[in-house]
Amino acid sequence: MQHRIEQPGNLLKEDGSLAQRGYSTQAVLTYNREQIKAPAWKIKEWDFYQVSNDDFCVQLTIGHVSYAGDVSIRFFEFESGYRVDYSHMLVLPFNRLNMPRTAEAGDLTYRSDKIEMAFRFVEGGRRLTAKTPGDGKTPPIEVDIFLQQPDPVSIVMATPFDEDKRFFYYNHKINCMPADGVVRIGDREYRFSPGDAFGLLDWGRGVWPYRHEWFWGNGSGYINGKRFGFNIGYGFGDTSAATENVLFYDGTAHKLSHVYFDLPGGGGYMAQKIFTSDDGRFEMVFTPIYDRYTETKLLFVDTHCHQLFGKWNGKVVLDDGTVLEVKDLVAFVEHAVNKW
């Protein structure tokens, strides 16, 4: 059930449906946006970066759902709950943001008198910068972070939706990128260092049904002095060709099948959760420490998301049978219910 895409080509056929379904560990398919046959207002595109360590996290987003867009900076501390959110909403942006067609090339920038943000490719990795003077509720914010990208390993998904053959989700997630940089919020300063901080890219392009629900978890850290990470999730369309569940270790991807969990049930979001896989290769206990709940209502957009950060403990098994013990890895899992 895990079909690996290896033949290069266009993502979409002439009728707007996916040419191939499944996963890859690098961008094999070309996002040919001009071949989309669904209505323009159904197209959704975003670049989302998250940088975190065991104590705090910053998130940078440039994205749109055609009739509404968002350029935002979100920062929060896990233990204290201190949180700053600055979101610049865009009305009817459609294709004006000029989103790159691949997660592996092409700078993305946005500039206005309210916020500046740039995701740029530089030697050895990526540079993320953002700046806003703030407003009456939010202090000035400056972000300047370098993400190392030692290898190209990642998880790339080409997934259809059952509702319409023209609906699809083309998603590229990259984690295990050591982070070095600073976030300044008013007179506060927060520093990330590559010894304990990592960046994540969630790059998405697609045509979605208006109503949907997903579960997603992701984390990065070190095990035995080597970079380790995982990505798990479901709800992102018809995953009969492949799931997005994968382990990363020392620059190599190890594909998983199904991972089962009940995030909102069993005592609520902040209760301890059990994660288990159909083949015994992902067996974890998750203890939440912070719930970053967000909701957005604008025009036809109505989104709700519980993003839970906490400590992961358990074991994972690599393709060759090697067992890795995971101890107190701070990472997240989320539950989103959207109309957009």
C-alpha atoms as a PDB file:
ATOM      1  CA  MET A   1       0.000   0.000   0.000  1.00  0.00           C
ATOM      2  CA  GLN A   2       3.052   2.278  -0.113  1.00  0.00           C
ATOM      3  CA  HIS A   3       3.535   3.204  -3.763  1.00  0.00           C
ATOM      4  CA  ARG A   4       6.761   5.082  -4.321  1.00  0.00           C
ATOM      5  CA  ILE A   5       6.764   7.568  -7.213  1.00  0.00           C
ATOM      6  CA  GLU A   6      10.025   7.281  -9.153  1.00  0.00           C
ATOM      7  CA  GLN A   7       9.116   8.324 -12.696  1.00  0.00           C
ATOM      8  CA  PRO A   8       9.569  12.099 -13.262  1.00  0.00           C
ATOM      9  CA  GLY A   9       6.786  13.993 -14.960  1.00  0.00           C
ATOM     10  CA  ASN A  10       4.018  16.506 -14.485  1.00  0.00           C
ATOM     11  CA  LEU A  11       1.873  16.309 -11.377  1.00  0.00           C
ATOM     12  CA  LEU A  12      -1.410  16.778 -13.271  1.00  0.00           C
ATOM     13  CA  LYS A  13      -2.780  15.246 -16.433  1.00  0.00           C
ATOM     14  CA  GLU A  14      -4.631  17.280 -19.055  1.00  0.00           C
ATOM     15  CA  ASP A  15      -7.968  16.670 -17.318  1.00  0.00           C
ATOM     16  CA  GLY A  16      -6.577  18.101 -14.075  1.00  0.00           C
ATOM     17  CA  SER A  17      -6.357  14.772 -12.227  1.00  0.00           C
ATOM     18  CA  LEU A  18      -3.173  13.397 -10.683  1.00  0.00           C
ATOM     19  CA  ALA A  19      -0.834  11.659 -13.110  1.00  0.00           C
ATOM     20  CA  GLN A  20       0.619   9.517 -10.294  1.00  0.00           C
ATOM     21  CA  ARG A  21      -0.440   8.824  -6.720  1.00  0.00           C
ATOM     22  CA  GLY A  22       1.828   7.971  -3.831  1.00  0.00           C
ATOM     23  CA  TYR A  23       4.953   9.230  -2.109  1.00  0.00           C
ATOM     24  CA  SER A  24       8.569  10.082  -2.818  1.00  0.00           C
ATOM     25  CA  THR A  25      11.457  11.316  -0.695  1.00  0.00           C
ATOM     26  CA  GLN A  26      12.358  14.116  -3.105  1.00  0.00           C
ATOM     27  CA  ALA A  27      10.302  16.230  -5.489  1.00  0.00           C
ATOM     28  CA  VAL A  28       9.963  13.933  -8.511  1.00  0.00           C
ATOM     29  CA  LEU A  29       6.829  15.463 -10.018  1.00  0.00           C
ATOM     30  CA  THR A  30       6.471  18.993 -11.404  1.00  0.00           C
ATOM     31  CA  TYR A  31       3.603  21.106 -10.074  1.00  0.00           C
ATOM     32  CA  ASN A  32       2.020  22.294 -13.335  1.00  0.00           C
ATOM     33  CA  ARG A  33      -0.453  24.791 -11.889  1.00  0.00           C
ATOM     34  CA  GLU A  34      -1.761  25.801 -15.307  1.00  0.00           C
ATOM     35  CA  GLN A  35      -3.306  22.329 -15.699  1.00  0.00           C
ATOM     36  CA  ILE A  36      -5.680  22.756 -12.757  1.00  0.00           C
ATOM     37  CA  LYS A  37      -9.261  22.352 -13.997  1.00  0.00           C
ATOM     38  CA  ALA A  38     -11.133  23.103 -10.785  1.00  0.00           C
ATOM     39  CA  PRO A  39     -12.509  26.614 -10.071  1.00  0.00           C
ATOM     40  CA  ALA A  40      -9.797  29.129  -9.209  1.00  0.00           C
ATOM     41  CA  TRP A  41     -11.286  29.849  -5.781  1.00  0.00           C
ATOM     42  CA  LYS A  42     -10.634  26.235  -4.708  1.00  0.00           C
ATOM     43  CA  ILE A  43      -6.845  26.454  -5.145  1.00  0.00           C
ATOM     44  CA  LYS A  44      -4.833  26.504  -1.912  1.00  0.00           C
ATOM     45  CA  GLU A  45      -1.088  27.162  -1.673  1.00  0.00           C
ATOM     46  CA  TRP A  46       1.164  27.758   1.323  1.00  0.00           C
ATOM     47  CA  ASP A  47       4.730  27.762   2.644  1.00  0.00           C
ATOM     48  CA  PHE A  48       4.799  27.195   6.408  1.00  0.00           C
ATOM     49  CA  TYR A  49       8.033  27.155   8.416  1.00  0.00           C
ATOM     50  CA  GLN A  50       8.274  26.171  12.051  1.00  0.00           C
ATOM     51  CA  VAL A  51      11.430  26.510  14.155  1.00  0.00           C
ATOM     52  CA  SER A  52      11.517  25.160  17.700  1.00  0.00           C
ATOM     53  CA  ASN A  53      13.574  23.811  20.563  1.00  0.00           C
ATOM     54  CA  ASP A  54      12.494  22.322  23.896  1.00  0.00           C
ATOM     55  CA  ASP A  55      11.305  25.694  25.225  1.00  0.00           C
ATOM     56  CA  PHE A  56       9.804  27.876  22.493  1.00  0.00           C
ATOM     57  CA  CYS A  57       8.689  27.977  18.873  1.00  0.00           C
ATOM     58  CA  VAL A  58       8.236  30.441  16.017  1.00  0.00           C
ATOM     59  CA  GLN A  59       6.038  29.879  12.965  1.00  0.00           C
ATOM     60  CA  LEU A  60       6.133  31.835   9.700  1.00  0.00           C
ATOM     61  CA  THR A  61       3.472  31.507   7.025  1.00  0.00           C
ATOM     62  CA  ILE A  62       2.860  32.868   3.547  1.00  0.00           C
ATOM     63  CA  GLY A  63      -0.182  31.289   1.977  1.00  0.00           C
ATOM     64  CA  HIS A  64      -3.625  31.641   0.494  1.00  0.00           C
ATOM     65  CA  VAL A  65      -6.874  29.830  -0.200  1.00  0.00           C
ATOM     66  CA  SER A  66      -7.438  32.022  -3.281  1.00  0.00           C
ATOM     67  CA  TYR A  67     -10.196  34.199  -1.821  1.00  0.00           C
ATOM     68  CA  ALA A  68      -8.222  34.858   1.407  1.00  0.00           C
ATOM     69  CA  GLY A  69      -4.543  34.869   2.343  1.00  0.00           C
ATOM     70  CA  ASP A  70      -2.313  35.048   5.395  1.00  0.00           C
ATOM     71  CA  VAL A  71       1.178  36.380   6.105  1.00  0.00           C
ATOM     72  CA  SER A  72       1.829  35.691   9.756  1.00  0.00           C
ATOM     73  CA  ILE A  73       4.330  35.382  12.598  1.00  0.00           C
ATOM     74  CA  ARG A  74       3.404  33.278  15.610  1.00  0.00           C
ATOM     75  CA  PHE A  75       5.621  32.783  18.659  1.00  0.00           C
ATOM     76  CA  PHE A  76       4.996  30.940  21.923  1.00  0.00           C
ATOM     77  CA  GLU A  77       6.731  29.512  24.983  1.00  0.00           C
ATOM     78  CA  PHE A  78       5.648  26.048  26.063  1.00  0.00           C
ATOM     79  CA  GLU A  79       6.029  26.315  29.836  1.00  0.00           C
ATOM     80  CA  SER A  80       4.868  29.867  30.517  1.00  0.00           C
ATOM     81  CA  GLY A  81       2.243  30.041  27.771  1.00  0.00           C
ATOM     82  CA  TYR A  82       3.563  33.446  26.643  1.00  0.00           C
ATOM     83  CA  ARG A  83       2.316  33.927  23.102  1.00  0.00           C
ATOM     84  CA  VAL A  84       2.470  36.556  20.380  1.00  0.00           C
ATOM     85  CA  ASP A  85       0.470  36.315  17.145  1.00  0.00           C
ATOM     86  CA  TYR A  86       0.674  38.750  14.273  1.00  0.00           C
ATOM     87  CA  SER A  87      -1.380  37.934  11.197  1.00  0.00           C
ATOM     88  CA  HIS A  88      -1.784  40.120   8.127  1.00  0.00           C
ATOM     89  CA  MET A  89      -4.872  38.875   6.307  1.00  0.00           C
ATOM     90  CA  LEU A  90      -5.229  39.278   2.547  1.00  0.00           C
ATOM     91  CA  VAL A  91      -8.533  39.585   0.713  1.00  0.00           C
ATOM     92  CA  LEU A  92      -8.822  37.951  -2.728  1.00  0.00           C
ATOM     93  CA  PRO A  93      -5.087  37.323  -3.310  1.00  0.00           C
ATOM     94  CA  PHE A  94      -5.636  34.416  -5.757  1.00  0.00           C
ATOM     95  CA  ASN A  95      -2.307  33.981  -7.622  1.00  0.00           C
ATOM     96  CA  ARG A  96      -0.760  37.350  -6.728  1.00  0.00           C
ATOM     97  CA  LEU A  97       1.617  35.874  -4.133  1.00  0.00           C
ATOM     98  CA  ASN A  98       3.584  34.057  -6.870  1.00  0.00           C
ATOM     99  CA  MET A  99       4.114  30.925  -4.807  1.00  0.00           C
ATOM    100  CA  PRO A 100       7.080  28.791  -6.001  1.00  0.00           C
ATOM    101  CA  ARG A 101       6.275  25.622  -7.922  1.00  0.00           C
ATOM    102  CA  THR A 102       8.697  23.525  -5.884  1.00  0.00           C
ATOM    103  CA  ALA A 103       9.882  23.378  -2.293  1.00  0.00           C
ATOM    104  CA  GLU A 104      13.435  22.858  -3.516  1.00  0.00           C
ATOM    105  CA  ALA A 105      13.989  26.155  -5.371  1.00  0.00           C
ATOM    106  CA  GLY A 106      12.611  29.668  -5.684  1.00  0.00           C
ATOM    107  CA  ASP A 107      12.556  32.455  -3.120  1.00  0.00           C
ATOM    108  CA  LEU A 108       9.249  33.643  -1.680  1.00  0.00           C
ATOM    109  CA  THR A 109       8.862  37.205  -0.386  1.00  0.00           C
ATOM    110  CA  TYR A 110       6.091  39.510   0.779  1.00  0.00           C
ATOM    111  CA  ARG A 111       6.401  43.191   1.637  1.00  0.00           C
ATOM    112  CA  SER A 112       3.944  45.792   2.892  1.00  0.00           C
ATOM    113  CA  ASP A 113       3.973  48.617   5.418  1.00  0.00           C
ATOM    114  CA  LYS A 114       2.612  46.165   8.013  1.00  0.00           C
ATOM    115  CA  ILE A 115       4.883  43.153   7.538  1.00  0.00           C
ATOM    116  CA  GLU A 116       7.895  41.961   5.578  1.00  0.00           C
ATOM    117  CA  MET A 117       8.727  38.293   5.164  1.00  0.00           C
ATOM    118  CA  ALA A 118      11.184  36.348   3.004  1.00  0.00           C
ATOM    119  CA  PHE A 119      12.074  32.668   2.556  1.00  0.00           C
ATOM    120  CA  ARG A 120      15.332  32.527   0.597  1.00  0.00           C
ATOM    121  CA  PHE A 121      17.654  29.791  -0.584  1.00  0.00           C
ATOM    122  CA  VAL A 122      21.261  30.418   0.451  1.00  0.00           C
ATOM    123  CA  GLU A 123      24.401  28.297   0.377  1.00  0.00           C
ATOM    124  CA  GLY A 124      23.936  25.285   2.634  1.00  0.00           C
ATOM    125  CA  GLY A 125      20.287  25.864   3.428  1.00  0.00           C
ATOM    126  CA  ARG A 126      17.550  28.453   3.776  1.00  0.00           C
ATOM    127  CA  ARG A 127      17.284  31.874   5.406  1.00  0.00           C
ATOM    128  CA  LEU A 128      14.020  32.982   6.986  1.00  0.00           C
ATOM    129  CA  THR A 129      13.494  36.661   7.785  1.00  0.00           C
ATOM    130  CA  ALA A 130      10.460  38.570   8.973  1.00  0.00           C
ATOM    131  CA  LYS A 131       9.751  41.971  10.445  1.00  0.00           C
ATOM    132  CA  THR A 132       6.719  43.889  11.607  1.00  0.00           C
ATOM    133  CA  PRO A 133       6.421  47.163  13.553  1.00  0.00           C
ATOM    134  CA  GLY A 134       3.509  45.608  15.386  1.00  0.00           C
ATOM    135  CA  ASP A 135       0.316  47.361  16.298  1.00  0.00           C
ATOM    136  CA  GLY A 136      -1.575  48.347  19.424  1.00  0.00           C
ATOM    137  CA  LYS A 137      -1.863  44.722  20.542  1.00  0.00           C
ATOM    138  CA  THR A 138       1.401  43.263  19.225  1.00  0.00           C
ATOM    139  CA  PRO A 139       4.951  44.521  19.901  1.00  0.00           C
ATOM    140  CA  PRO A 140       7.534  44.877  17.113  1.00  0.00           C
ATOM    141  CA  ILE A 141       8.886  41.511  15.929  1.00  0.00           C
ATOM    142  CA  GLU A 142      12.071  40.635  14.044  1.00  0.00           C
ATOM    143  CA  VAL A 143      13.089  37.146  12.890  1.00  0.00           C
ATOM    144  CA  ASP A 144      16.358  36.079  11.271  1.00  0.00           C
ATOM    145  CA  ILE A 145      17.041  32.334  11.144  1.00  0.00           C
ATOM    146  CA  PHE A 146      19.305  30.103   9.054  1.00  0.00           C
ATOM    147  CA  LEU A 147      18.209  26.509   8.491  1.00  0.00           C
ATOM    148  CA  GLN A 148      20.914  24.060   7.525  1.00  0.00           C
ATOM    149  CA  GLN A 149      19.872  21.449   4.974  1.00  0.00           C
ATOM    150  CA  PRO A 150      22.564  18.757   5.113  1.00  0.00           C
ATOM    151  CA  ASP A 151      20.650  16.385   2.811  1.00  0.00           C
ATOM    152  CA  PRO A 152      17.557  16.444   0.569  1.00  0.00           C
ATOM    153  CA  VAL A 153      15.628  13.657   2.338  1.00  0.00           C
ATOM    154  CA  SER A 154      11.976  14.486   2.994  1.00  0.00           C
ATOM    155  CA  ILE A 155       8.454  13.194   2.411  1.00  0.00           C
ATOM    156  CA  VAL A 156       6.513  14.250  -0.689  1.00  0.00           C
ATOM    157  CA  MET A 157       2.891  13.230  -1.187  1.00  0.00           C
ATOM    158  CA  ALA A 158       0.675  13.262  -4.277  1.00  0.00           C
ATOM    159  CA  THR A 159      -2.768  12.510  -2.890  1.00  0.00           C
ATOM    160  CA  PRO A 160      -6.231  12.665  -4.504  1.00  0.00           C
ATOM    161  CA  PHE A 161      -9.553  13.455  -2.831  1.00  0.00           C
ATOM    162  CA  ASP A 162     -12.570  11.211  -3.318  1.00  0.00           C
ATOM    163  CA  GLU A 163     -14.953  14.138  -3.772  1.00  0.00           C
ATOM    164  CA  ASP A 164     -13.709  15.066  -7.280  1.00  0.00           C
ATOM    165  CA  LYS A 165     -10.977  13.722  -9.555  1.00  0.00           C
ATOM    166  CA  ARG A 166      -9.781  17.330 -10.038  1.00  0.00           C
ATOM    167  CA  PHE A 167      -9.087  17.677  -6.306  1.00  0.00           C
ATOM    168  CA  PHE A 168      -5.584  16.864  -5.051  1.00  0.00           C
ATOM    169  CA  TYR A 169      -2.979  17.647  -2.418  1.00  0.00           C
ATOM    170  CA  TYR A 170       0.683  17.947  -3.375  1.00  0.00           C
ATOM    171  CA  ASN A 171       2.640  18.261  -0.147  1.00  0.00           C
ATOM    172  CA  HIS A 172       6.362  18.413   0.649  1.00  0.00           C
ATOM    173  CA  LYS A 173       7.510  18.227   4.273  1.00  0.00           C
ATOM    174  CA  ILE A 174      11.149  18.696   5.264  1.00  0.00           C
ATOM    175  CA  ASN A 175      12.304  18.367   8.862  1.00  0.00           C
ATOM    176  CA  CYS A 176      15.621  17.701  10.635  1.00  0.00           C
ATOM    177  CA  MET A 177      16.992  21.104   9.517  1.00  0.00           C
ATOM    178  CA  PRO A 178      19.290  22.426  12.323  1.00  0.00           C
ATOM    179  CA  ALA A 179      18.399  26.046  13.129  1.00  0.00           C
ATOM    180  CA  ASP A 180      20.594  29.003  14.041  1.00  0.00           C
ATOM    181  CA  GLY A 181      19.130  32.456  14.604  1.00  0.00           C
ATOM    182  CA  VAL A 182      17.157  34.885  16.679  1.00  0.00           C
ATOM    183  CA  VAL A 183      13.630  36.140  17.330  1.00  0.00           C
ATOM    184  CA  ARG A 184      13.205  39.568  18.907  1.00  0.00           C
ATOM    185  CA  ILE A 185       9.844  40.577  20.338  1.00  0.00           C
ATOM    186  CA  GLY A 186       9.870  44.036  21.839  1.00  0.00           C
ATOM    187  CA  ASP A 187      12.709  43.953  24.390  1.00  0.00           C
ATOM    188  CA  ARG A 188      12.757  40.131  24.544  1.00  0.00           C
ATOM    189  CA  GLU A 189      15.281  38.032  22.619  1.00  0.00           C
ATOM    190  CA  TYR A 190      15.103  34.313  21.880  1.00  0.00           C
ATOM    191  CA  ARG A 191      17.981  32.424  20.280  1.00  0.00           C
ATOM    192  CA  PHE A 192      18.006  29.137  18.405  1.00  0.00           C
ATOM    193  CA  SER A 193      21.186  27.060  18.153  1.00  0.00           C
ATOM    194  CA  PRO A 194      21.751  24.038  15.863  1.00  0.00           C
ATOM    195  CA  GLY A 195      22.597  21.807  18.817  1.00  0.00           C
ATOM    196  CA  ASP A 196      19.012  21.751  20.040  1.00  0.00           C
ATOM    197  CA  ALA A 197      16.779  23.573  17.534  1.00  0.00           C
ATOM    198  CA  PHE A 198      15.309  22.384  14.242  1.00  0.00           C
ATOM    199  CA  GLY A 199      13.294  23.818  11.400  1.00  0.00           C
ATOM    200  CA  LEU A 200      10.374  22.257   9.555  1.00  0.00           C
ATOM    201  CA  LEU A 201       8.902  23.167   6.169  1.00  0.00           C
ATOM    202  CA  ASP A 202       5.321  22.291   5.302  1.00  0.00           C
ATOM    203  CA  TRP A 203       4.916  23.157   1.618  1.00  0.00           C
ATOM    204  CA  GLY A 204       1.430  22.591   0.233  1.00  0.00           C
ATOM    205  CA  ARG A 205      -0.263  23.057  -3.124  1.00  0.00           C
ATOM    206  CA  GLY A 206      -3.638  21.727  -4.101  1.00  0.00           C
ATOM    207  CA  VAL A 207      -7.334  21.843  -4.736  1.00  0.00           C
ATOM    208  CA  TRP A 208      -9.297  20.864  -1.640  1.00  0.00           C
ATOM    209  CA  PRO A 209     -12.927  20.213  -0.749  1.00  0.00           C
ATOM    210  CA  TYR A 210     -14.404  23.034   1.320  1.00  0.00           C
ATOM    211  CA  ARG A 211     -14.865  20.944   4.482  1.00  0.00           C
ATOM    212  CA  HIS A 212     -12.126  18.647   5.781  1.00  0.00           C
ATOM    213  CA  GLU A 213     -10.362  17.399   8.888  1.00  0.00           C
ATOM    214  CA  TRP A 214      -6.799  16.241   9.474  1.00  0.00           C
ATOM    215  CA  PHE A 215      -4.367  14.905  12.070  1.00  0.00           C
ATOM    216  CA  TRP A 216      -0.652  15.640  11.743  1.00  0.00           C
ATOM    217  CA  GLY A 217       2.410  15.055  13.892  1.00  0.00           C
ATOM    218  CA  ASN A 218       6.050  15.941  13.305  1.00  0.00           C
ATOM    219  CA  GLY A 219       9.273  16.156  15.272  1.00  0.00           C
ATOM    220  CA  SER A 220      13.058  16.392  14.988  1.00  0.00           C
ATOM    221  CA  GLY A 221      15.909  15.790  17.409  1.00  0.00           C
ATOM    222  CA  TYR A 222      19.065  13.794  17.969  1.00  0.00           C
ATOM    223  CA  ILE A 223      19.404  10.106  18.804  1.00  0.00           C
ATOM    224  CA  ASN A 224      22.895   8.677  19.334  1.00  0.00           C
ATOM    225  CA  GLY A 225      24.309  11.968  18.056  1.00  0.00           C
ATOM    226  CA  LYS A 226      22.512  11.649  14.694  1.00  0.00           C
ATOM    227  CA  ARG A 227      19.581  13.622  13.354  1.00  0.00           C
ATOM    228  CA  PHE A 228      16.252  11.874  13.870  1.00  0.00           C
ATOM    229  CA  GLY A 229      12.763  12.882  12.846  1.00  0.00           C
ATOM    230  CA  PHE A 230       9.295  11.615  12.088  1.00  0.00           C
ATOM    231  CA  ASN A 231       6.171  12.650  10.216  1.00  0.00           C
ATOM    232  CA  ILE A 232       2.763  11.067  10.781  1.00  0.00           C
ATOM    233  CA  GLY A 233      -0.736  12.005   9.704  1.00  0.00           C
ATOM    234  CA  TYR A 234      -4.024  11.226   8.046  1.00  0.00           C
ATOM    235  CA  GLY A 235      -7.096  13.037   6.744  1.00  0.00           C
ATOM    236  CA  PHE A 236      -5.281  14.654   3.820  1.00  0.00           C
ATOM    237  CA  GLY A 237      -7.295  12.892   1.129  1.00  0.00           C
ATOM    238  CA  ASP A 238      -7.371   9.308  -0.153  1.00  0.00           C
ATOM    239  CA  THR A 239      -4.182   7.659   1.173  1.00  0.00           C
ATOM    240  CA  SER A 240      -4.827   4.215  -0.315  1.00  0.00           C
ATOM    241  CA  ALA A 241      -1.725   4.602  -2.522  1.00  0.00           C
ATOM    242  CA  ALA A 242       0.528   5.696   0.354  1.00  0.00           C
ATOM    243  CA  THR A 243       0.498   7.285   3.790  1.00  0.00           C
ATOM    244  CA  GLU A 244       2.710  10.192   4.791  1.00  0.00           C
ATOM    245  CA  ASN A 245       4.099   8.257   7.777  1.00  0.00           C
ATOM    246  CA  VAL A 246       7.890   8.154   7.737  1.00  0.00           C
ATOM    247  CA  LEU A 247      10.989   8.106   9.941  1.00  0.00           C
ATOM    248  CA  PHE A 248      14.196  10.023   9.231  1.00  0.00           C
ATOM    249  CA  TYR A 249      17.556   8.999  10.635  1.00  0.00           C
ATOM    250  CA  ASP A 250      21.014  10.199   9.691  1.00  0.00           C
ATOM    251  CA  GLY A 251      19.868  11.471   6.297  1.00  0.00           C
ATOM    252  CA  THR A 252      17.806   8.423   5.280  1.00  0.00           C
ATOM    253  CA  ALA A 253      14.020   8.002   5.062  1.00  0.00           C
ATOM    254  CA  HIS A 254      12.320   4.875   6.446  1.00  0.00           C
ATOM    255  CA  LYS A 255       8.720   4.489   5.235  1.00  0.00           C
ATOM    256  CA  LEU A 256       5.940   3.458   7.596  1.00  0.00           C
ATOM    257  CA  SER A 257       2.433   2.218   6.827  1.00  0.00           C
ATOM    258  CA  HIS A 258      -0.377   3.175   9.241  1.00  0.00           C
ATOM    259  CA  VAL A 259      -0.084   4.893  12.615  1.00  0.00           C
ATOM    260  CA  TYR A 260      -3.138   4.932  14.873  1.00  0.00           C
ATOM    261  CA  PHE A 261      -4.081   7.454  17.568  1.00  0.00           C
ATOM    262  CA  ASP A 262      -7.104   9.189  19.069  1.00  0.00           C
ATOM    263  CA  LEU A 263      -6.061  12.747  19.768  1.00  0.00           C
ATOM    264  CA  PRO A 264      -9.248  14.437  21.076  1.00  0.00           C
ATOM    265  CA  GLY A 265     -10.558  11.324  22.831  1.00  0.00           C
ATOM    266  CA  GLY A 266      -9.363   9.517  25.939  1.00  0.00           C
ATOM    267  CA  GLY A 267      -9.558  12.400  28.400  1.00  0.00           C
ATOM    268  CA  GLY A 268      -9.303  15.363  26.041  1.00  0.00           C
ATOM    269  CA  TYR A 269      -6.444  17.001  24.202  1.00  0.00           C
ATOM    270  CA  MET A 270      -4.141  17.466  27.196  1.00  0.00           C
ATOM    271  CA  ALA A 271      -4.358  13.859  28.366  1.00  0.00           C
ATOM    272  CA  GLN A 272      -1.502  11.437  27.691  1.00  0.00           C
ATOM    273  CA  LYS A 273      -1.912   9.624  24.352  1.00  0.00           C
ATOM    274  CA  ILE A 274      -0.765   6.304  22.898  1.00  0.00           C
ATOM    275  CA  PHE A 275       0.468   6.076  19.298  1.00  0.00           C
ATOM    276  CA  THR A 276       0.814   2.652  17.693  1.00  0.00           C
ATOM    277  CA  SER A 277       1.487   1.388  14.165  1.00  0.00           C
ATOM    278  CA  ASP A 278       0.137  -1.610  12.278  1.00  0.00           C
ATOM    279  CA  ASP A 279       3.609  -3.176  12.072  1.00  0.00           C
ATOM    280  CA  GLY A 280       5.003  -2.251  15.484  1.00  0.00           C
ATOM    281  CA  ARG A 281       7.509   0.225  14.058  1.00  0.00           C
ATOM    282  CA  PHE A 282       6.121   3.356  15.733  1.00  0.00           C
ATOM    283  CA  GLU A 283       5.175   2.808  19.383  1.00  0.00           C
ATOM    284  CA  MET A 284       5.059   6.020  21.376  1.00  0.00           C
ATOM    285  CA  VAL A 285       3.577   7.659  24.454  1.00  0.00           C
ATOM    286  CA  PHE A 286       2.862  11.360  24.039  1.00  0.00           C
ATOM    287  CA  THR A 287       2.568  13.631  27.086  1.00  0.00           C
ATOM    288  CA  PRO A 288       1.250  17.107  26.144  1.00  0.00           C
ATOM    289  CA  ILE A 289       2.732  20.207  27.736  1.00  0.00           C
ATOM    290  CA  TYR A 290       1.137  22.998  25.661  1.00  0.00           C
ATOM    291  CA  ASP A 291      -1.951  23.364  23.451  1.00  0.00           C
ATOM    292  CA  ARG A 292      -1.580  26.083  20.852  1.00  0.00           C
ATOM    293  CA  TYR A 293      -5.215  26.508  19.879  1.00  0.00           C
ATOM    294  CA  THR A 294      -5.995  28.775  16.931  1.00  0.00           C
ATOM    295  CA  GLU A 295      -9.098  29.706  15.006  1.00  0.00           C
ATOM    296  CA  THR A 296      -9.606  31.976  12.025  1.00  0.00           C
ATOM    297  CA  LYS A 297     -12.820  33.404  10.622  1.00  0.00           C
ATOM    298  CA  LEU A 298     -12.654  35.600   7.515  1.00  0.00           C
ATOM    299  CA  LEU A 299     -15.015  35.636   4.545  1.00  0.00           C
ATOM    300  CA  PHE A 300     -15.643  31.922   3.852  1.00  0.00           C
ATOM    301  CA  VAL A 301     -12.730  30.772   6.063  1.00  0.00           C
ATOM    302  CA  ASP A 302     -13.552  29.025   9.336  1.00  0.00           C
ATOM    303  CA  THR A 303     -10.628  27.050  10.803  1.00  0.00           C
ATOM    304  CA  HIS A 304      -9.971  25.462  14.201  1.00  0.00           C
ATOM    305  CA  CYS A 305      -6.733  23.736  15.193  1.00  0.00           C
ATOM    306  CA  HIS A 306      -5.338  22.215  18.392  1.00  0.00           C
ATOM    307  CA  GLN A 307      -1.563  21.932  17.960  1.00  0.00           C
ATOM    308  CA  LEU A 308      -0.219  20.038  20.961  1.00  0.00           C
ATOM    309  CA  PHE A 309       3.454  20.178  21.902  1.00  0.00           C
ATOM    310  CA  GLY A 310       4.763  17.612  24.342  1.00  0.00           C
ATOM    311  CA  LYS A 311       7.250  14.879  25.132  1.00  0.00           C
ATOM    312  CA  TRP A 312       7.453  11.680  23.097  1.00  0.00           C
ATOM    313  CA  ASN A 313       8.791   8.471  24.615  1.00  0.00           C
ATOM    314  CA  GLY A 314       8.968   5.004  23.106  1.00  0.00           C
ATOM    315  CA  LYS A 315      10.614   3.191  20.238  1.00  0.00           C
ATOM    316  CA  VAL A 316      10.787   3.236  16.450  1.00  0.00           C
ATOM    317  CA  VAL A 317      12.153   0.604  14.077  1.00  0.00           C
ATOM    318  CA  LEU A 318      14.150   1.436  10.944  1.00  0.00           C
ATOM    319  CA  ASP A 319      13.928  -0.454   7.651  1.00  0.00           C
ATOM    320  CA  ASP A 320      16.823  -2.741   8.574  1.00  0.00           C
ATOM    321  CA  GLY A 321      15.295  -3.673  11.937  1.00  0.00           C
ATOM    322  CA  THR A 322      17.392  -1.276  14.029  1.00  0.00           C
ATOM    323  CA  VAL A 323      15.447  -0.177  17.107  1.00  0.00           C
ATOM    324  CA  LEU A 324      15.833   3.424  18.274  1.00  0.00           C
ATOM    325  CA  GLU A 325      14.776   4.481  21.750  1.00  0.00           C
ATOM    326  CA  VAL A 326      13.053   7.867  21.824  1.00  0.00           C
ATOM    327  CA  LYS A 327      13.287   9.699  25.149  1.00  0.00           C
ATOM    328  CA  ASP A 328      11.629  13.024  25.987  1.00  0.00           C
ATOM    329  CA  LEU A 329      11.649  14.293  22.397  1.00  0.00           C
ATOM    330  CA  VAL A 330       9.707  17.573  22.335  1.00  0.00           C
ATOM    331  CA  ALA A 331       7.538  17.578  19.220  1.00  0.00           C
ATOM    332  CA  PHE A 332       3.925  18.187  18.207  1.00  0.00           C
ATOM    333  CA  VAL A 333       0.759  16.598  16.940  1.00  0.00           C
ATOM    334  CA  GLU A 334      -2.333  18.496  15.808  1.00  0.00           C
ATOM    335  CA  HIS A 335      -6.023  18.153  14.976  1.00  0.00           C
ATOM    336  CA  ALA A 336      -7.518  20.602  12.489  1.00  0.00           C
ATOM    337  CA  VAL A 337     -11.132  21.060  11.391  1.00  0.00           C
ATOM    338  CA  ASN A 338     -11.478  23.468   8.500  1.00  0.00           C
ATOM    339  CA  LYS A 339     -13.907  25.126   6.158  1.00  0.00           C
ATOM    340  CA  TRP A 340     -11.819  26.962   3.545  1.00  0.00           C
END
